[in-house]
PDB file of N, CA and C in Angstrom:
ATOM      1  N   MET A   1     162.825 -76.442  82.109  1.00  0.00           N
ATOM      2  CA  MET A   1     162.102 -75.511  81.257  1.00  0.00           C
ATOM      3  C   MET A   1     160.764 -76.048  80.986  1.00  0.00           C
ATOM      4  N   HIS A   2     159.727 -75.139  80.668  1.00  0.00           N
ATOM      5  CA  HIS A   2     158.402 -75.508  80.448  1.00  0.00           C
ATOM      6  C   HIS A   2     158.067 -75.375  78.966  1.00  0.00           C
ATOM      7  N   LYS A   3     157.235 -76.231  78.402  1.00  0.00           N
ATOM      8  CA  LYS A   3     156.871 -76.041  76.992  1.00  0.00           C
ATOM      9  C   LYS A   3     155.684 -75.109  76.981  1.00  0.00           C
ATOM     10  N   LEU A   4     155.785 -73.923  76.331  1.00  0.00           N
ATOM     11  CA  LEU A   4     154.785 -72.904  76.358  1.00  0.00           C
ATOM     12  C   LEU A   4     153.311 -73.420  75.997  1.00  0.00           C
ATOM     13  N   GLU A   5     153.307 -74.150  74.813  1.00  0.00           N
ATOM     14  CA  GLU A   5     152.005 -74.568  74.282  1.00  0.00           C
ATOM     15  C   GLU A   5     151.244 -75.598  75.216  1.00  0.00           C
ATOM     16  N   ASP A   6     151.998 -75.963  76.332  1.00  0.00           N
ATOM     17  CA  ASP A   6     151.275 -76.833  77.277  1.00  0.00           C
ATOM     18  C   ASP A   6     150.862 -76.047  78.580  1.00  0.00           C
ATOM     19  N   LEU A   7     151.308 -74.796  78.662  1.00  0.00           N
ATOM     20  CA  LEU A   7     150.920 -74.045  79.800  1.00  0.00           C
ATOM     21  C   LEU A   7     149.654 -73.215  79.610  1.00  0.00           C
ATOM     22  N   LYS A   8     148.576 -73.716  80.398  1.00  0.00           N
ATOM     23  CA  LYS A   8     147.231 -73.030  80.071  1.00  0.00           C
ATOM     24  C   LYS A   8     147.111 -71.645  80.462  1.00  0.00           C
ATOM     25  N   ILE A   9     148.122 -71.172  81.314  1.00  0.00           N
ATOM     26  CA  ILE A   9     148.103 -69.698  81.652  1.00  0.00           C
ATOM     27  C   ILE A   9     148.743 -68.901  80.476  1.00  0.00           C
ATOM     28  N   TRP A  10     149.660 -69.484  79.763  1.00  0.00           N
ATOM     29  CA  TRP A  10     150.187 -68.837  78.641  1.00  0.00           C
ATOM     30  C   TRP A  10     149.198 -68.681  77.421  1.00  0.00           C
ATOM     31  N   ASN A  11     148.470 -69.869  77.184  1.00  0.00           N
ATOM     32  CA  ASN A  11     147.437 -69.887  76.318  1.00  0.00           C
ATOM     33  C   ASN A  11     146.369 -68.914  76.444  1.00  0.00           C
ATOM     34  N   LYS A  12     145.963 -68.793  77.770  1.00  0.00           N
ATOM     35  CA  LYS A  12     144.879 -67.869  78.116  1.00  0.00           C
ATOM     36  C   LYS A  12     145.355 -66.455  77.975  1.00  0.00           C
ATOM     37  N   ALA A  13     146.690 -66.192  78.252  1.00  0.00           N
ATOM     38  CA  ALA A  13     147.207 -64.841  78.170  1.00  0.00           C
ATOM     39  C   ALA A  13     147.332 -64.432  76.690  1.00  0.00           C
ATOM     40  N   MET A  14     147.589 -65.351  75.815  1.00  0.00           N
ATOM     41  CA  MET A  14     147.750 -65.191  74.363  1.00  0.00           C
ATOM     42  C   MET A  14     146.292 -64.697  73.901  1.00  0.00           C
ATOM     43  N   GLU A  15     145.310 -65.479  74.326  1.00  0.00           N
ATOM     44  CA  GLU A  15     143.885 -65.259  74.007  1.00  0.00           C
ATOM     45  C   GLU A  15     143.473 -63.863  74.350  1.00  0.00           C
ATOM     46  N   VAL A  16     143.848 -63.392  75.588  1.00  0.00           N
ATOM     47  CA  VAL A  16     143.570 -62.079  76.134  1.00  0.00           C
ATOM     48  C   VAL A  16     144.163 -61.004  75.147  1.00  0.00           C
ATOM     49  N   ALA A  17     145.495 -61.281  74.848  1.00  0.00           N
ATOM     50  CA  ALA A  17     146.198 -60.154  74.070  1.00  0.00           C
ATOM     51  C   ALA A  17     145.624 -60.100  72.773  1.00  0.00           C
ATOM     52  N   GLU A  18     145.115 -61.094  72.090  1.00  0.00           N
ATOM     53  CA  GLU A  18     144.516 -61.096  70.884  1.00  0.00           C
ATOM     54  C   GLU A  18     143.316 -60.405  70.974  1.00  0.00           C
ATOM     55  N   GLU A  19     142.337 -60.633  71.858  1.00  0.00           N
ATOM     56  CA  GLU A  19     141.192 -59.974  72.129  1.00  0.00           C
ATOM     57  C   GLU A  19     141.310 -58.464  72.467  1.00  0.00           C
ATOM     58  N   VAL A  20     142.418 -57.995  73.179  1.00  0.00           N
ATOM     59  CA  VAL A  20     142.685 -56.741  73.365  1.00  0.00           C
ATOM     60  C   VAL A  20     143.054 -56.021  72.010  1.00  0.00           C
ATOM     61  N   TYR A  21     143.789 -56.567  71.170  1.00  0.00           N
ATOM     62  CA  TYR A  21     144.102 -56.060  69.892  1.00  0.00           C
ATOM     63  C   TYR A  21     142.817 -55.796  69.087  1.00  0.00           C
ATOM     64  N   LEU A  22     141.948 -56.834  69.105  1.00  0.00           N
ATOM     65  CA  LEU A  22     140.726 -56.580  68.301  1.00  0.00           C
ATOM     66  C   LEU A  22     139.769 -55.556  68.948  1.00  0.00           C
ATOM     67  N   LEU A  23     139.689 -55.465  70.267  1.00  0.00           N
ATOM     68  CA  LEU A  23     138.900 -54.527  70.966  1.00  0.00           C
ATOM     69  C   LEU A  23     139.348 -53.144  70.555  1.00  0.00           C
ATOM     70  N   THR A  24     140.686 -52.844  70.612  1.00  0.00           N
ATOM     71  CA  THR A  24     141.219 -51.517  70.448  1.00  0.00           C
ATOM     72  C   THR A  24     141.306 -51.093  68.792  1.00  0.00           C
ATOM     73  N   GLU A  25     140.959 -51.900  67.984  1.00  0.00           N
ATOM     74  CA  GLU A  25     140.921 -51.611  66.510  1.00  0.00           C
ATOM     75  C   GLU A  25     139.856 -50.467  66.290  1.00  0.00           C
ATOM     76  N   ASN A  26     138.808 -50.377  67.032  1.00  0.00           N
ATOM     77  CA  ASN A  26     137.744 -49.471  66.857  1.00  0.00           C
ATOM     78  C   ASN A  26     137.815 -48.307  67.923  1.00  0.00           C
ATOM     79  N   PHE A  27     138.914 -48.227  68.546  1.00  0.00           N
ATOM     80  CA  PHE A  27     139.053 -46.918  69.326  1.00  0.00           C
ATOM     81  C   PHE A  27     139.230 -45.788  68.477  1.00  0.00           C
ATOM     82  N   PRO A  28     139.071 -44.521  68.971  1.00  0.00           N
ATOM     83  CA  PRO A  28     139.230 -43.378  68.180  1.00  0.00           C
ATOM     84  C   PRO A  28     140.723 -43.315  67.972  1.00  0.00           C
ATOM     85  N   LYS A  29     140.931 -42.725  66.692  1.00  0.00           N
ATOM     86  CA  LYS A  29     142.364 -42.545  66.243  1.00  0.00           C
ATOM     87  C   LYS A  29     143.226 -41.699  67.151  1.00  0.00           C
ATOM     88  N   GLU A  30     142.649 -40.836  67.898  1.00  0.00           N
ATOM     89  CA  GLU A  30     143.525 -39.850  68.763  1.00  0.00           C
ATOM     90  C   GLU A  30     143.971 -40.556  69.994  1.00  0.00           C
ATOM     91  N   GLU A  31     143.481 -41.879  70.175  1.00  0.00           N
ATOM     92  CA  GLU A  31     143.946 -42.680  71.227  1.00  0.00           C
ATOM     93  C   GLU A  31     145.183 -43.600  70.797  1.00  0.00           C
ATOM     94  N   LYS A  32     145.555 -43.446  69.569  1.00  0.00           N
ATOM     95  CA  LYS A  32     146.654 -44.421  68.989  1.00  0.00           C
ATOM     96  C   LYS A  32     147.903 -44.395  69.874  1.00  0.00           C
ATOM     97  N   PHE A  33     148.361 -43.282  70.391  1.00  0.00           N
ATOM     98  CA  PHE A  33     149.530 -43.318  71.092  1.00  0.00           C
ATOM     99  C   PHE A  33     149.130 -43.105  72.678  1.00  0.00           C
ATOM    100  N   GLY A  34     147.929 -43.191  72.986  1.00  0.00           N
ATOM    101  CA  GLY A  34     147.425 -43.064  74.359  1.00  0.00           C
ATOM    102  C   GLY A  34     147.003 -44.406  74.852  1.00  0.00           C
ATOM    103  N   LEU A  35     145.782 -44.650  75.133  1.00  0.00           N
ATOM    104  CA  LEU A  35     145.177 -45.786  75.669  1.00  0.00           C
ATOM    105  C   LEU A  35     145.362 -47.056  74.787  1.00  0.00           C
ATOM    106  N   ILE A  36     145.313 -46.882  73.394  1.00  0.00           N
ATOM    107  CA  ILE A  36     145.401 -48.127  72.596  1.00  0.00           C
ATOM    108  C   ILE A  36     146.942 -48.656  72.892  1.00  0.00           C
ATOM    109  N   SER A  37     147.782 -47.813  72.920  1.00  0.00           N
ATOM    110  CA  SER A  37     149.216 -48.211  73.023  1.00  0.00           C
ATOM    111  C   SER A  37     149.519 -48.954  74.370  1.00  0.00           C
ATOM    112  N   GLN A  38     148.878 -48.261  75.318  1.00  0.00           N
ATOM    113  CA  GLN A  38     148.927 -48.789  76.834  1.00  0.00           C
ATOM    114  C   GLN A  38     148.260 -50.197  76.955  1.00  0.00           C
ATOM    115  N   LEU A  39     147.094 -50.222  76.451  1.00  0.00           N
ATOM    116  CA  LEU A  39     146.306 -51.532  76.496  1.00  0.00           C
ATOM    117  C   LEU A  39     147.092 -52.663  75.831  1.00  0.00           C
ATOM    118  N   ARG A  40     147.551 -52.293  74.523  1.00  0.00           N
ATOM    119  CA  ARG A  40     148.257 -53.419  73.768  1.00  0.00           C
ATOM    120  C   ARG A  40     149.605 -53.834  74.564  1.00  0.00           C
ATOM    121  N   ARG A  41     150.364 -52.829  75.058  1.00  0.00           N
ATOM    122  CA  ARG A  41     151.564 -53.136  75.704  1.00  0.00           C
ATOM    123  C   ARG A  41     151.398 -54.080  77.009  1.00  0.00           C
ATOM    124  N   SER A  42     150.408 -53.714  77.782  1.00  0.00           N
ATOM    125  CA  SER A  42     150.192 -54.413  78.942  1.00  0.00           C
ATOM    126  C   SER A  42     149.603 -55.793  78.678  1.00  0.00           C
ATOM    127  N   ALA A  43     148.872 -55.889  77.492  1.00  0.00           N
ATOM    128  CA  ALA A  43     148.302 -57.196  77.232  1.00  0.00           C
ATOM    129  C   ALA A  43     149.336 -58.077  76.598  1.00  0.00           C
ATOM    130  N   VAL A  44     150.324 -57.601  75.788  1.00  0.00           N
ATOM    131  CA  VAL A  44     151.342 -58.419  75.214  1.00  0.00           C
ATOM    132  C   VAL A  44     152.425 -58.685  76.250  1.00  0.00           C
ATOM    133  N   SER A  45     152.526 -57.893  77.293  1.00  0.00           N
ATOM    134  CA  SER A  45     153.447 -58.132  78.364  1.00  0.00           C
ATOM    135  C   SER A  45     153.096 -59.349  79.219  1.00  0.00           C
ATOM    136  N   ILE A  46     151.820 -59.702  79.444  1.00  0.00           N
ATOM    137  CA  ILE A  46     151.390 -60.848  80.075  1.00  0.00           C
ATOM    138  C   ILE A  46     151.963 -62.118  79.544  1.00  0.00           C
ATOM    139  N   PRO A  47     151.684 -62.544  78.406  1.00  0.00           N
ATOM    140  CA  PRO A  47     152.189 -63.813  77.892  1.00  0.00           C
ATOM    141  C   PRO A  47     153.646 -63.739  77.658  1.00  0.00           C
ATOM    142  N   SER A  48     154.285 -62.508  77.335  1.00  0.00           N
ATOM    143  CA  SER A  48     155.594 -62.407  77.010  1.00  0.00           C
ATOM    144  C   SER A  48     156.498 -62.685  78.336  1.00  0.00           C
ATOM    145  N   ASN A  49     156.035 -62.193  79.517  1.00  0.00           N
ATOM    146  CA  ASN A  49     156.759 -62.507  80.721  1.00  0.00           C
ATOM    147  C   ASN A  49     156.491 -63.958  81.227  1.00  0.00           C
ATOM    148  N   ILE A  50     155.334 -64.656  80.955  1.00  0.00           N
ATOM    149  CA  ILE A  50     155.237 -65.892  81.319  1.00  0.00           C
ATOM    150  C   ILE A  50     156.128 -66.692  80.392  1.00  0.00           C
ATOM    151  N   ALA A  51     156.342 -66.300  79.176  1.00  0.00           N
ATOM    152  CA  ALA A  51     157.102 -67.164  78.191  1.00  0.00           C
ATOM    153  C   ALA A  51     158.630 -66.985  78.719  1.00  0.00           C
ATOM    154  N   GLU A  52     159.011 -65.658  79.075  1.00  0.00           N
ATOM    155  CA  GLU A  52     160.478 -65.575  79.460  1.00  0.00           C
ATOM    156  C   GLU A  52     160.698 -66.331  80.743  1.00  0.00           C
ATOM    157  N   GLY A  53     159.832 -66.316  81.636  1.00  0.00           N
ATOM    158  CA  GLY A  53     159.997 -67.023  82.966  1.00  0.00           C
ATOM    159  C   GLY A  53     160.063 -68.529  82.669  1.00  0.00           C
ATOM    160  N   ALA A  54     159.240 -69.029  81.768  1.00  0.00           N
ATOM    161  CA  ALA A  54     159.192 -70.397  81.458  1.00  0.00           C
ATOM    162  C   ALA A  54     160.493 -70.897  80.953  1.00  0.00           C
ATOM    163  N   GLY A  55     161.169 -69.975  80.199  1.00  0.00           N
ATOM    164  CA  GLY A  55     162.391 -70.439  79.570  1.00  0.00           C
ATOM    165  C   GLY A  55     163.622 -70.314  80.592  1.00  0.00           C
ATOM    166  N   ARG A  56     163.398 -69.798  81.723  1.00  0.00           N
ATOM    167  CA  ARG A  56     164.545 -69.572  82.660  1.00  0.00           C
ATOM    168  C   ARG A  56     164.891 -70.928  83.363  1.00  0.00           C
ATOM    169  N   ASN A  57     166.063 -70.891  84.119  1.00  0.00           N
ATOM    170  CA  ASN A  57     166.558 -72.065  84.602  1.00  0.00           C
ATOM    171  C   ASN A  57     165.985 -72.570  85.978  1.00  0.00           C
ATOM    172  N   THR A  58     165.313 -71.735  86.657  1.00  0.00           N
ATOM    173  CA  THR A  58     164.859 -72.113  88.034  1.00  0.00           C
ATOM    174  C   THR A  58     163.324 -71.723  88.308  1.00  0.00           C
ATOM    175  N   ASN A  59     162.875 -72.367  89.166  1.00  0.00           N
ATOM    176  CA  ASN A  59     161.411 -72.078  89.499  1.00  0.00           C
ATOM    177  C   ASN A  59     161.316 -70.607  90.198  1.00  0.00           C
ATOM    178  N   GLY A  60     162.493 -70.205  90.872  1.00  0.00           N
ATOM    179  CA  GLY A  60     162.462 -68.913  91.447  1.00  0.00           C
ATOM    180  C   GLY A  60     162.370 -67.862  90.374  1.00  0.00           C
ATOM    181  N   GLU A  61     163.193 -68.212  89.342  1.00  0.00           N
ATOM    182  CA  GLU A  61     163.173 -67.134  88.133  1.00  0.00           C
ATOM    183  C   GLU A  61     161.739 -67.102  87.587  1.00  0.00           C
ATOM    184  N   PHE A  62     161.191 -68.255  87.395  1.00  0.00           N
ATOM    185  CA  PHE A  62     159.845 -68.406  86.748  1.00  0.00           C
ATOM    186  C   PHE A  62     158.801 -67.751  87.621  1.00  0.00           C
ATOM    187  N   ARG A  63     158.890 -67.803  88.833  1.00  0.00           N
ATOM    188  CA  ARG A  63     157.998 -67.155  89.837  1.00  0.00           C
ATOM    189  C   ARG A  63     158.085 -65.623  89.686  1.00  0.00           C
ATOM    190  N   ASN A  64     159.361 -65.097  89.621  1.00  0.00           N
ATOM    191  CA  ASN A  64     159.614 -63.598  89.376  1.00  0.00           C
ATOM    192  C   ASN A  64     158.934 -63.114  88.121  1.00  0.00           C
ATOM    193  N   PHE A  65     159.113 -63.890  87.209  1.00  0.00           N
ATOM    194  CA  PHE A  65     158.435 -63.386  85.768  1.00  0.00           C
ATOM    195  C   PHE A  65     156.912 -63.581  85.885  1.00  0.00           C
ATOM    196  N   LEU A  66     156.446 -64.560  86.515  1.00  0.00           N
ATOM    197  CA  LEU A  66     154.884 -64.528  86.787  1.00  0.00           C
ATOM    198  C   LEU A  66     154.452 -63.326  87.611  1.00  0.00           C
ATOM    199  N   GLY A  67     155.220 -62.936  88.448  1.00  0.00           N
ATOM    200  CA  GLY A  67     154.862 -61.730  89.265  1.00  0.00           C
ATOM    201  C   GLY A  67     154.843 -60.510  88.402  1.00  0.00           C
ATOM    202  N   ILE A  68     155.855 -60.424  87.516  1.00  0.00           N
ATOM    203  CA  ILE A  68     155.850 -59.287  86.534  1.00  0.00           C
ATOM    204  C   ILE A  68     154.559 -59.366  85.674  1.00  0.00           C
ATOM    205  N   SER A  69     154.307 -60.598  85.157  1.00  0.00           N
ATOM    206  CA  SER A  69     153.170 -60.768  84.245  1.00  0.00           C
ATOM    207  C   SER A  69     151.881 -60.533  85.007  1.00  0.00           C
ATOM    208  N   ASN A  70     151.809 -60.721  86.370  1.00  0.00           N
ATOM    209  CA  ASN A  70     150.607 -60.466  87.063  1.00  0.00           C
ATOM    210  C   ASN A  70     150.481 -58.995  87.190  1.00  0.00           C
ATOM    211  N   GLY A  71     151.586 -58.196  87.511  1.00  0.00           N
ATOM    212  CA  GLY A  71     151.488 -56.876  87.531  1.00  0.00           C
ATOM    213  C   GLY A  71     150.984 -56.220  86.272  1.00  0.00           C
ATOM    214  N   SER A  72     151.267 -56.755  85.157  1.00  0.00           N
ATOM    215  CA  SER A  72     150.787 -56.316  83.878  1.00  0.00           C
ATOM    216  C   SER A  72     149.317 -56.552  83.661  1.00  0.00           C
ATOM    217  N   SER A  73     148.833 -57.734  84.267  1.00  0.00           N
ATOM    218  CA  SER A  73     147.436 -57.925  84.262  1.00  0.00           C
ATOM    219  C   SER A  73     146.652 -56.925  85.022  1.00  0.00           C
ATOM    220  N   TYR A  74     147.163 -56.415  86.128  1.00  0.00           N
ATOM    221  CA  TYR A  74     146.491 -55.429  86.804  1.00  0.00           C
ATOM    222  C   TYR A  74     146.481 -54.060  86.142  1.00  0.00           C
ATOM    223  N   GLU A  75     147.497 -53.850  85.394  1.00  0.00           N
ATOM    224  CA  GLU A  75     147.560 -52.680  84.560  1.00  0.00           C
ATOM    225  C   GLU A  75     146.461 -52.744  83.366  1.00  0.00           C
ATOM    226  N   LEU A  76     146.417 -53.857  82.753  1.00  0.00           N
ATOM    227  CA  LEU A  76     145.353 -54.137  81.734  1.00  0.00           C
ATOM    228  C   LEU A  76     144.035 -53.953  82.308  1.00  0.00           C
ATOM    229  N   TYR A  77     143.792 -54.615  83.504  1.00  0.00           N
ATOM    230  CA  TYR A  77     142.428 -54.534  84.071  1.00  0.00           C
ATOM    231  C   TYR A  77     141.992 -53.101  84.290  1.00  0.00           C
ATOM    232  N   THR A  78     142.949 -52.324  84.729  1.00  0.00           N
ATOM    233  CA  THR A  78     142.673 -50.766  85.076  1.00  0.00           C
ATOM    234  C   THR A  78     142.443 -50.109  83.819  1.00  0.00           C
ATOM    235  N   GLN A  79     143.264 -50.306  82.820  1.00  0.00           N
ATOM    236  CA  GLN A  79     143.093 -49.735  81.483  1.00  0.00           C
ATOM    237  C   GLN A  79     141.758 -50.073  80.771  1.00  0.00           C
ATOM    238  N   LEU A  80     141.318 -51.273  80.965  1.00  0.00           N
ATOM    239  CA  LEU A  80     140.034 -51.685  80.293  1.00  0.00           C
ATOM    240  C   LEU A  80     138.903 -50.983  81.006  1.00  0.00           C
ATOM    241  N   LEU A  81     138.919 -51.007  82.354  1.00  0.00           N
ATOM    242  CA  LEU A  81     137.978 -50.186  83.079  1.00  0.00           C
ATOM    243  C   LEU A  81     137.813 -48.769  82.640  1.00  0.00           C
ATOM    244  N   LEU A  82     138.976 -48.213  82.426  1.00  0.00           N
ATOM    245  CA  LEU A  82     139.019 -46.870  81.999  1.00  0.00           C
ATOM    246  C   LEU A  82     138.493 -46.654  80.543  1.00  0.00           C
ATOM    247  N   SER A  83     138.595 -47.660  79.681  1.00  0.00           N
ATOM    248  CA  SER A  83     138.053 -47.602  78.425  1.00  0.00           C
ATOM    249  C   SER A  83     136.450 -47.598  78.476  1.00  0.00           C
ATOM    250  N   ILE A  84     135.901 -48.268  79.537  1.00  0.00           N
ATOM    251  CA  ILE A  84     134.517 -48.229  79.779  1.00  0.00           C
ATOM    252  C   ILE A  84     134.084 -46.837  80.215  1.00  0.00           C
ATOM    253  N   LYS A  85     134.827 -46.426  81.271  1.00  0.00           N
ATOM    254  CA  LYS A  85     134.394 -45.087  81.799  1.00  0.00           C
ATOM    255  C   LYS A  85     134.527 -43.941  80.903  1.00  0.00           C
ATOM    256  N   LEU A  86     135.410 -44.095  79.846  1.00  0.00           N
ATOM    257  CA  LEU A  86     135.623 -43.042  78.767  1.00  0.00           C
ATOM    258  C   LEU A  86     134.637 -43.371  77.501  1.00  0.00           C
ATOM    259  N   ASN A  87     133.797 -44.326  77.814  1.00  0.00           N
ATOM    260  CA  ASN A  87     132.950 -44.652  76.696  1.00  0.00           C
ATOM    261  C   ASN A  87     133.574 -44.933  75.435  1.00  0.00           C
ATOM    262  N   LEU A  88     134.724 -45.565  75.457  1.00  0.00           N
ATOM    263  CA  LEU A  88     135.479 -45.902  74.240  1.00  0.00           C
ATOM    264  C   LEU A  88     135.014 -47.205  73.611  1.00  0.00           C
ATOM    265  N   ARG A  89     134.449 -48.096  74.587  1.00  0.00           N
ATOM    266  CA  ARG A  89     133.952 -49.298  74.214  1.00  0.00           C
ATOM    267  C   ARG A  89     132.801 -49.648  75.254  1.00  0.00           C
ATOM    268  N   PRO A  90     131.798 -50.443  74.794  1.00  0.00           N
ATOM    269  CA  PRO A  90     130.665 -50.698  75.709  1.00  0.00           C
ATOM    270  C   PRO A  90     131.107 -51.817  76.694  1.00  0.00           C
ATOM    271  N   GLU A  91     130.538 -51.740  77.897  1.00  0.00           N
ATOM    272  CA  GLU A  91     130.810 -52.899  78.900  1.00  0.00           C
ATOM    273  C   GLU A  91     130.570 -54.336  78.303  1.00  0.00           C
ATOM    274  N   SER A  92     129.625 -54.395  77.464  1.00  0.00           N
ATOM    275  CA  SER A  92     129.255 -55.724  76.906  1.00  0.00           C
ATOM    276  C   SER A  92     130.469 -56.366  76.063  1.00  0.00           C
ATOM    277  N   LEU A  93     131.311 -55.454  75.570  1.00  0.00           N
ATOM    278  CA  LEU A  93     132.534 -55.990  74.863  1.00  0.00           C
ATOM    279  C   LEU A  93     133.772 -56.101  75.750  1.00  0.00           C
ATOM    280  N   VAL A  94     133.831 -55.284  76.857  1.00  0.00           N
ATOM    281  CA  VAL A  94     134.968 -55.219  77.637  1.00  0.00           C
ATOM    282  C   VAL A  94     134.870 -56.287  78.778  1.00  0.00           C
ATOM    283  N   ASN A  95     133.604 -56.504  79.282  1.00  0.00           N
ATOM    284  CA  ASN A  95     133.537 -57.266  80.459  1.00  0.00           C
ATOM    285  C   ASN A  95     134.027 -58.699  80.234  1.00  0.00           C
ATOM    286  N   PRO A  96     133.826 -59.346  79.100  1.00  0.00           N
ATOM    287  CA  PRO A  96     134.330 -60.751  78.875  1.00  0.00           C
ATOM    288  C   PRO A  96     135.857 -60.725  79.011  1.00  0.00           C
ATOM    289  N   ILE A  97     136.523 -59.771  78.545  1.00  0.00           N
ATOM    290  CA  ILE A  97     137.928 -59.702  78.687  1.00  0.00           C
ATOM    291  C   ILE A  97     138.421 -59.468  80.120  1.00  0.00           C
ATOM    292  N   LEU A  98     137.656 -58.567  80.943  1.00  0.00           N
ATOM    293  CA  LEU A  98     138.051 -58.316  82.198  1.00  0.00           C
ATOM    294  C   LEU A  98     137.878 -59.759  83.000  1.00  0.00           C
ATOM    295  N   SER A  99     136.835 -60.446  82.747  1.00  0.00           N
ATOM    296  CA  SER A  99     136.678 -61.768  83.316  1.00  0.00           C
ATOM    297  C   SER A  99     137.892 -62.706  83.117  1.00  0.00           C
ATOM    298  N   LYS A 100     138.341 -62.584  81.862  1.00  0.00           N
ATOM    299  CA  LYS A 100     139.511 -63.521  81.626  1.00  0.00           C
ATOM    300  C   LYS A 100     140.840 -63.039  82.267  1.00  0.00           C
ATOM    301  N   VAL A 101     140.925 -61.623  82.404  1.00  0.00           N
ATOM    302  CA  VAL A 101     142.128 -61.022  83.147  1.00  0.00           C
ATOM    303  C   VAL A 101     142.086 -61.512  84.581  1.00  0.00           C
ATOM    304  N   ILE A 102     140.803 -61.490  85.327  1.00  0.00           N
ATOM    305  CA  ILE A 102     140.742 -61.984  86.618  1.00  0.00           C
ATOM    306  C   ILE A 102     141.019 -63.431  86.594  1.00  0.00           C
ATOM    307  N   GLU A 103     140.641 -64.267  85.751  1.00  0.00           N
ATOM    308  CA  GLU A 103     140.931 -65.596  85.693  1.00  0.00           C
ATOM    309  C   GLU A 103     142.600 -65.865  85.515  1.00  0.00           C
ATOM    310  N   LEU A 104     143.189 -65.004  84.718  1.00  0.00           N
ATOM    311  CA  LEU A 104     144.727 -65.077  84.590  1.00  0.00           C
ATOM    312  C   LEU A 104     145.268 -64.749  85.945  1.00  0.00           C
ATOM    313  N   GLN A 105     144.815 -63.776  86.675  1.00  0.00           N
ATOM    314  CA  GLN A 105     145.435 -63.460  87.931  1.00  0.00           C
ATOM    315  C   GLN A 105     145.351 -64.577  88.847  1.00  0.00           C
ATOM    316  N   LYS A 106     144.235 -65.228  88.936  1.00  0.00           N
ATOM    317  CA  LYS A 106     143.948 -66.494  89.793  1.00  0.00           C
ATOM    318  C   LYS A 106     145.003 -67.514  89.337  1.00  0.00           C
ATOM    319  N   MET A 107     145.058 -67.826  88.056  1.00  0.00           N
ATOM    320  CA  MET A 107     145.962 -68.852  87.591  1.00  0.00           C
ATOM    321  C   MET A 107     147.431 -68.543  87.936  1.00  0.00           C
ATOM    322  N   SER A 108     147.794 -67.327  87.835  1.00  0.00           N
ATOM    323  CA  SER A 108     149.136 -66.867  88.213  1.00  0.00           C
ATOM    324  C   SER A 108     149.477 -67.119  89.564  1.00  0.00           C
ATOM    325  N   TYR A 109     148.484 -66.606  90.479  1.00  0.00           N
ATOM    326  CA  TYR A 109     148.715 -66.940  91.940  1.00  0.00           C
ATOM    327  C   TYR A 109     148.856 -68.451  92.238  1.00  0.00           C
ATOM    328  N   ALA A 110     148.131 -69.254  91.577  1.00  0.00           N
ATOM    329  CA  ALA A 110     148.122 -70.715  91.951  1.00  0.00           C
ATOM    330  C   ALA A 110     149.420 -71.325  91.384  1.00  0.00           C
ATOM    331  N   LEU A 111     149.832 -70.905  90.051  1.00  0.00           N
ATOM    332  CA  LEU A 111     151.106 -71.407  89.553  1.00  0.00           C
ATOM    333  C   LEU A 111     152.380 -70.962  90.516  1.00  0.00           C
ATOM    334  N   ILE A 112     152.156 -69.669  90.907  1.00  0.00           N
ATOM    335  CA  ILE A 112     153.391 -69.178  91.711  1.00  0.00           C
ATOM    336  C   ILE A 112     153.359 -70.104  93.101  1.00  0.00           C
ATOM    337  N   LYS A 113     152.327 -70.345  93.606  1.00  0.00           N
ATOM    338  CA  LYS A 113     152.298 -71.166  94.823  1.00  0.00           C
ATOM    339  C   LYS A 113     152.738 -72.619  94.550  1.00  0.00           C
ATOM    340  N   SER A 114     152.317 -73.102  93.412  1.00  0.00           N
ATOM    341  CA  SER A 114     152.851 -74.516  93.072  1.00  0.00           C
ATOM    342  C   SER A 114     154.303 -74.640  92.943  1.00  0.00           C
ATOM    343  N   LEU A 115     154.956 -73.459  92.481  1.00  0.00           N
ATOM    344  CA  LEU A 115     156.349 -73.441  92.084  1.00  0.00           C
ATOM    345  C   LEU A 115     157.204 -73.142  93.423  1.00  0.00           C
ATOM    346  N   GLU A 116     156.530 -72.879  94.559  1.00  0.00           N
ATOM    347  CA  GLU A 116     157.151 -72.634  95.668  1.00  0.00           C
ATOM    348  C   GLU A 116     157.463 -73.976  96.428  1.00  0.00           C
ATOM    349  N   LYS A 117     156.851 -75.006  96.041  1.00  0.00           N
ATOM    350  CA  LYS A 117     157.062 -76.295  96.692  1.00  0.00           C
ATOM    351  C   LYS A 117     158.308 -77.014  96.350  1.00  0.00           C
TER     352      LYS A 117
END
């Protein structure tokens, strides 16, 4: 098992989830059950799946949950881009989060590769 607080990828994912919550606080109220919900669920899914995988018994199980987490990061990336296209938040606020999501994707691929050894 892996200690969550020591996993850089989990810490980064927690940071992204927090930033997504803050970003969506100022979305229009009519998006509460739409894009706000989708963004928050995909953002929370990333560290949650990392945590679940870290608590599993084998590296193979951990890799599987990292894959699920990575899928959620692609969902989040898409939803963040959509929030820019719909003018819900300016690029200047969304782009830093997009950069962190890309960094998470790279970290995920690297960790998956390291667990294959």
